[in-house]
């Protein structure tokens, strides 16, 4: 299952970025330490105000055509 969330804040970008990093690390550590079923499949690819992450399945040939050098 994939979940997507959107967050907003009145904090400045640097403050929010720090808080989001802490939340991501805390969530990952708590899940890893739990006895939750499927915990090995838990992954937060990004929780950032500066980075948008798209996780797709590409072949090596497709990667070359999507990147700029």
C-alpha atoms as a PDB file:
ATOM      1  CA  UNK A   1       0.000   0.000   0.000  1.00  0.00           C
ATOM      2  CA  UNK A   2       1.228   3.501  -0.777  1.00  0.00           C
ATOM      3  CA  UNK A   3       0.125   6.536   1.188  1.00  0.00           C
ATOM      4  CA  UNK A   4       0.680  10.176   0.304  1.00  0.00           C
ATOM      5  CA  UNK A   5       0.337  13.040   2.754  1.00  0.00           C
ATOM      6  CA  UNK A   6       0.518  16.808   2.467  1.00  0.00           C
ATOM      7  CA  UNK A   7       1.598  18.966   5.396  1.00  0.00           C
ATOM      8  CA  UNK A   8       1.498  22.685   5.985  1.00  0.00           C
ATOM      9  CA  UNK A   9       2.897  24.950   8.671  1.00  0.00           C
ATOM     10  CA  UNK A  10       3.263  28.557   9.720  1.00  0.00           C
ATOM     11  CA  UNK A  11       6.936  27.923  10.560  1.00  0.00           C
ATOM     12  CA  UNK A  12       9.692  29.168   8.282  1.00  0.00           C
ATOM     13  CA  UNK A  13      11.059  26.723   5.729  1.00  0.00           C
ATOM     14  CA  UNK A  14      14.250  25.909   7.661  1.00  0.00           C
ATOM     15  CA  UNK A  15      12.326  25.263  10.889  1.00  0.00           C
ATOM     16  CA  UNK A  16       9.765  23.120   9.101  1.00  0.00           C
ATOM     17  CA  UNK A  17      12.489  21.195   7.277  1.00  0.00           C
ATOM     18  CA  UNK A  18      14.136  20.364  10.620  1.00  0.00           C
ATOM     19  CA  UNK A  19      10.819  19.256  12.131  1.00  0.00           C
ATOM     20  CA  UNK A  20       9.980  17.072   9.131  1.00  0.00           C
ATOM     21  CA  UNK A  21      13.385  15.389   9.317  1.00  0.00           C
ATOM     22  CA  UNK A  22      12.834  14.639  13.013  1.00  0.00           C
ATOM     23  CA  UNK A  23       9.350  13.254  12.347  1.00  0.00           C
ATOM     24  CA  UNK A  24      10.630  11.028   9.527  1.00  0.00           C
ATOM     25  CA  UNK A  25      13.460   9.629  11.674  1.00  0.00           C
ATOM     26  CA  UNK A  26      11.199   9.111  14.700  1.00  0.00           C
ATOM     27  CA  UNK A  27       8.543   7.310  12.647  1.00  0.00           C
ATOM     28  CA  UNK A  28      11.086   5.053  10.934  1.00  0.00           C
ATOM     29  CA  UNK A  29      12.754   4.162  14.255  1.00  0.00           C
ATOM     30  CA  UNK A  30       9.481   3.437  16.030  1.00  0.00           C
ATOM     31  CA  UNK A  31       8.223   1.244  13.215  1.00  0.00           C
ATOM     32  CA  UNK A  32      11.550  -0.632  13.063  1.00  0.00           C
ATOM     33  CA  UNK A  33      11.480  -1.264  16.822  1.00  0.00           C
ATOM     34  CA  UNK A  34       7.869  -2.442  16.820  1.00  0.00           C
ATOM     35  CA  UNK A  35       6.445  -5.909  16.300  1.00  0.00           C
ATOM     36  CA  UNK A  36       4.156  -4.561  13.577  1.00  0.00           C
ATOM     37  CA  UNK A  37       3.428  -6.956  10.742  1.00  0.00           C
ATOM     38  CA  UNK A  38       4.955  -5.713   7.494  1.00  0.00           C
ATOM     39  CA  UNK A  39       7.366  -3.318   9.228  1.00  0.00           C
ATOM     40  CA  UNK A  40      10.151  -4.316   6.841  1.00  0.00           C
ATOM     41  CA  UNK A  41       8.114  -2.821   4.000  1.00  0.00           C
ATOM     42  CA  UNK A  42       7.767   0.588   5.687  1.00  0.00           C
ATOM     43  CA  UNK A  43       9.679   3.347   3.948  1.00  0.00           C
ATOM     44  CA  UNK A  44       9.382   7.132   3.786  1.00  0.00           C
ATOM     45  CA  UNK A  45      10.968   8.174   0.509  1.00  0.00           C
ATOM     46  CA  UNK A  46      10.858  11.908   1.318  1.00  0.00           C
ATOM     47  CA  UNK A  47       9.431  14.266   3.876  1.00  0.00           C
ATOM     48  CA  UNK A  48      10.858  17.574   2.747  1.00  0.00           C
ATOM     49  CA  UNK A  49       9.779  21.047   1.689  1.00  0.00           C
ATOM     50  CA  UNK A  50      12.672  21.188  -0.771  1.00  0.00           C
ATOM     51  CA  UNK A  51      12.573  17.801  -2.469  1.00  0.00           C
ATOM     52  CA  UNK A  52       9.875  16.086  -4.476  1.00  0.00           C
ATOM     53  CA  UNK A  53      10.612  12.411  -4.870  1.00  0.00           C
ATOM     54  CA  UNK A  54       9.132  10.292  -7.593  1.00  0.00           C
ATOM     55  CA  UNK A  55       9.768   6.612  -7.194  1.00  0.00           C
ATOM     56  CA  UNK A  56       9.289   4.814 -10.460  1.00  0.00           C
ATOM     57  CA  UNK A  57      10.405   1.617 -12.037  1.00  0.00           C
ATOM     58  CA  UNK A  58      12.795   2.316 -14.907  1.00  0.00           C
ATOM     59  CA  UNK A  59      15.142   0.193 -16.934  1.00  0.00           C
ATOM     60  CA  UNK A  60      18.800   1.284 -17.209  1.00  0.00           C
ATOM     61  CA  UNK A  61      18.157   2.507 -20.775  1.00  0.00           C
ATOM     62  CA  UNK A  62      15.232   4.678 -19.612  1.00  0.00           C
ATOM     63  CA  UNK A  63      17.306   6.304 -16.867  1.00  0.00           C
ATOM     64  CA  UNK A  64      19.793   7.643 -19.413  1.00  0.00           C
ATOM     65  CA  UNK A  65      17.018   9.323 -21.372  1.00  0.00           C
ATOM     66  CA  UNK A  66      15.512  11.049 -18.314  1.00  0.00           C
ATOM     67  CA  UNK A  67      18.642  12.652 -16.861  1.00  0.00           C
ATOM     68  CA  UNK A  68      20.506  15.704 -18.029  1.00  0.00           C
ATOM     69  CA  UNK A  69      24.271  15.817 -18.048  1.00  0.00           C
END
